[in-house]
Protein backbone atom coordinates (compact mmCIF):
# COMPACT_ATOMS: atom_id res chain seq x y z
CA MET A 1 154.21 -271.92 26.79
CA LYS A 2 156.38 -268.95 25.90
CA ILE A 3 160.17 -269.24 26.00
CA TYR A 4 160.62 -265.81 27.52
CA THR A 5 158.94 -265.18 30.85
CA LYS A 6 160.84 -262.03 31.91
CA THR A 7 161.00 -263.44 35.47
CA GLY A 8 164.80 -263.61 35.26
CA ASP A 9 165.32 -260.06 34.08
CA LYS A 10 166.58 -258.97 37.49
CA GLY A 11 169.23 -261.70 37.74
CA THR A 12 167.30 -264.38 39.60
CA THR A 13 165.87 -267.71 38.55
CA ALA A 14 163.63 -270.36 40.08
CA LEU A 15 164.80 -273.74 41.28
CA PHE A 16 162.57 -276.83 41.32
CA GLY A 17 159.93 -276.09 43.91
CA GLY A 18 159.85 -272.37 43.20
CA THR A 19 162.66 -271.01 45.39
CA ARG A 20 164.27 -268.02 43.66
CA VAL A 21 168.04 -267.58 43.76
CA SER A 22 170.62 -265.39 42.06
CA LYS A 23 171.73 -266.66 38.66
CA ASP A 24 175.29 -266.88 39.97
CA HIS A 25 174.29 -269.22 42.84
CA ILE A 26 176.46 -272.37 43.06
CA ARG A 27 173.37 -274.51 42.38
CA ILE A 28 172.72 -272.66 39.10
CA ASP A 29 176.40 -272.87 38.14
CA SER A 30 176.32 -276.62 38.87
CA TYR A 31 173.34 -277.54 36.74
CA GLY A 32 174.26 -274.98 34.08
CA THR A 33 177.61 -276.71 33.67
CA VAL A 34 175.84 -280.07 33.40
CA ASP A 35 173.69 -278.51 30.64
CA GLU A 36 176.86 -277.32 28.89
CA LEU A 37 178.28 -280.85 29.19
CA ASN A 38 175.09 -282.30 27.74
CA SER A 39 175.42 -279.98 24.74
CA TYR A 40 179.01 -281.08 24.11
CA ILE A 41 177.93 -284.70 24.32
CA GLY A 42 175.31 -283.91 21.68
CA LEU A 43 178.11 -282.51 19.52
CA ILE A 44 180.10 -285.73 19.95
CA ARG A 45 177.00 -287.77 19.10
CA ASP A 46 176.62 -285.79 15.86
CA GLN A 47 180.00 -287.05 14.62
CA GLU A 48 180.56 -290.10 12.45
CA MET A 49 180.98 -293.11 14.75
CA ASP A 50 179.62 -296.55 15.50
CA VAL A 51 175.91 -296.50 16.33
CA HIS A 52 176.65 -298.22 19.65
CA TYR A 53 178.52 -295.15 20.91
CA LYS A 54 175.70 -292.90 19.72
CA ASN A 55 173.18 -294.96 21.70
CA VAL A 56 175.39 -294.87 24.80
CA LEU A 57 175.69 -291.09 24.44
CA ILE A 58 171.89 -290.76 24.23
CA GLU A 59 171.60 -292.74 27.48
CA ILE A 60 174.21 -290.46 29.06
CA GLN A 61 172.35 -287.35 27.89
CA ASP A 62 169.19 -288.70 29.49
CA ARG A 63 171.03 -289.30 32.76
CA LEU A 64 172.49 -285.78 32.60
CA PHE A 65 168.98 -284.33 32.50
CA THR A 66 168.38 -286.29 35.70
CA VAL A 67 171.60 -284.93 37.21
CA GLY A 68 170.49 -281.42 36.27
CA ALA A 69 167.11 -281.96 37.92
CA ILE A 70 168.80 -283.22 41.09
CA LEU A 71 171.12 -280.21 41.18
CA ALA A 72 168.19 -277.85 40.55
CA THR A 73 166.27 -279.12 43.58
CA PRO A 74 167.17 -277.60 46.95
CA PRO A 75 167.05 -280.02 49.90
CA GLU A 76 164.02 -278.32 51.46
CA LYS A 77 162.02 -278.94 48.25
CA GLU A 78 162.97 -282.60 47.75
CA VAL A 79 159.91 -283.79 49.69
CA LEU A 80 156.47 -282.86 48.39
CA LYS A 81 153.59 -281.89 50.69
CA ASN A 82 152.19 -285.42 50.45
CA GLY A 83 155.53 -286.84 51.69
CA GLU A 84 156.71 -288.23 48.35
CA LEU A 85 160.14 -287.44 47.00
CA ARG A 86 160.01 -284.92 44.16
CA LEU A 87 162.51 -286.91 42.05
CA LYS A 88 161.45 -290.38 43.26
CA LYS A 89 161.23 -291.85 39.76
CA LEU A 90 164.34 -290.10 38.50
CA GLY A 91 167.54 -290.25 40.50
CA ILE A 92 170.91 -291.70 39.68
CA ILE A 93 171.15 -295.33 40.73
CA ALA A 94 174.06 -297.75 41.12
CA SER A 95 173.29 -299.40 37.77
CA ASP A 96 173.92 -296.05 36.02
CA LEU A 97 177.51 -296.16 37.29
CA GLU A 98 177.81 -299.85 36.42
CA PHE A 99 176.65 -299.06 32.88
CA LEU A 100 179.50 -296.56 32.44
CA GLU A 101 182.02 -298.93 34.03
CA ASN A 102 180.97 -301.77 31.72
CA GLU A 103 181.31 -299.49 28.69
CA ILE A 104 184.76 -298.36 29.85
CA ASP A 105 185.88 -301.97 30.41
CA SER A 106 184.58 -303.02 27.00
CA MET A 107 186.42 -300.23 25.17
CA GLU A 108 189.65 -300.80 27.09
CA LEU A 109 189.75 -304.44 25.94
CA ALA A 110 190.35 -303.21 22.39
CA LEU A 111 192.97 -300.60 23.34
CA PRO A 112 196.69 -300.86 23.99
CA PRO A 113 197.54 -300.22 27.64
CA MET A 114 198.28 -296.63 28.60
CA THR A 115 201.92 -296.01 29.36
CA HIS A 116 201.86 -292.20 29.32
CA PHE A 117 199.43 -289.33 29.53
CA VAL A 118 198.12 -288.40 26.08
CA LEU A 119 197.76 -284.96 24.58
CA PRO A 120 194.17 -284.08 23.62
CA GLY A 121 193.66 -283.98 19.86
CA GLY A 122 194.42 -286.08 16.82
CA HIS A 123 190.94 -285.84 15.32
CA THR A 124 188.06 -283.38 15.71
CA THR A 125 185.78 -286.01 17.25
CA VAL A 126 188.47 -286.99 19.75
CA SER A 127 189.00 -283.32 20.64
CA TYR A 128 185.27 -282.92 21.31
CA CYS A 129 185.51 -285.87 23.73
CA HIS A 130 188.37 -284.20 25.58
CA ILE A 131 186.48 -280.89 25.81
CA ALA A 132 183.44 -282.74 27.18
CA ARG A 133 185.71 -284.54 29.67
CA CYS A 134 187.04 -281.21 30.93
CA VAL A 135 183.53 -279.75 31.24
CA CYS A 136 182.49 -282.91 33.08
CA ARG A 137 185.35 -282.46 35.56
CA ARG A 138 184.25 -278.86 36.12
CA ALA A 139 180.66 -280.04 36.68
CA GLU A 140 181.97 -282.56 39.19
CA ARG A 141 183.98 -279.89 41.05
CA LEU A 142 180.93 -277.62 41.19
CA ALA A 143 178.73 -280.47 42.45
CA VAL A 144 181.29 -281.20 45.17
CA HIS A 145 181.31 -277.50 46.11
CA LEU A 146 177.50 -277.49 46.21
CA ASN A 147 177.56 -280.63 48.35
CA HIS A 148 179.64 -278.78 50.96
CA GLU A 149 176.93 -276.13 51.19
CA GLU A 150 173.78 -278.20 50.66
CA PRO A 151 174.04 -281.99 50.60
CA ILE A 152 173.25 -283.76 47.34
CA GLU A 153 172.99 -287.45 46.61
CA GLU A 154 176.47 -289.04 46.61
CA LEU A 155 175.71 -291.10 43.50
CA THR A 156 175.28 -287.86 41.55
CA ILE A 157 178.91 -286.88 42.20
CA GLN A 158 180.07 -290.44 41.55
CA TYR A 159 178.21 -290.45 38.22
CA LEU A 160 180.00 -287.29 37.07
CA ASN A 161 183.33 -288.77 38.14
CA ARG A 162 182.71 -291.99 36.23
CA LEU A 163 181.42 -290.09 33.21
CA SER A 164 184.66 -288.14 32.92
CA ASP A 165 186.51 -291.47 32.89
CA TYR A 166 184.15 -292.75 30.21
CA LEU A 167 184.75 -289.67 28.05
CA PHE A 168 188.52 -290.11 28.34
CA VAL A 169 188.36 -293.76 27.30
CA LEU A 170 185.89 -292.91 24.52
CA ALA A 171 188.44 -290.37 23.22
CA ARG A 172 191.11 -293.09 23.21
CA LYS A 173 188.78 -295.62 21.57
CA LEU A 174 187.73 -293.17 18.86
CA THR A 175 191.40 -292.33 18.27
CA PHE A 176 191.93 -296.05 17.69
CA ASP A 177 188.79 -296.50 15.54
CA LEU A 178 189.55 -293.42 13.43
CA GLN A 179 193.21 -294.44 13.08
CA ALA A 180 194.23 -291.05 14.40
CA GLU A 181 197.54 -290.46 16.11
CA GLU A 182 197.61 -290.67 19.89
CA VAL A 183 200.38 -288.32 20.97
CA LYS A 184 201.99 -289.31 24.24
CA TRP A 185 203.06 -286.63 26.66
CA ILE A 186 206.72 -287.14 27.41
CA PRO A 187 207.98 -284.65 30.03
CA ARG A 188 211.15 -282.69 29.26
CA LYS A 189 214.27 -283.91 30.97
């Protein structure tokens, strides 16, 4: 299989099921942003950290491929000719959200309570987490926008929302683990 097909040379691309759309279509922007997020999570995973976090990040990357597939499938192509759902074996399920929530709860047990907003930074790895969190929020906004135009599975949006929370808490936990400074945001008076 060749990487270049030349089918996108005129500014269109194919969704799952073959429908062609403009490369600036909200659906393309949605799953492209999820792909960008997945790349940033790979960058976080490449940093020095406990193997547990690396394994969690691999699981998240796997789920993000699923999210991308969901976002790349227009509603009219979700059902195959034989009546089966195209992504029947994939899909985001409630336990995917519970997994993130359990990880968040576990990390928060080891952290001091938050009393203020914190400024992103303190360590390169922590900064990567904050960048990924921001990209995740953008992916969530785009998925919500897409949902207004063409309904998508609600758990997909919920997963992105929970993932941004996970990335924030991971940034705090890595700040703690790396003994980096967590700078509180104190508004001017």
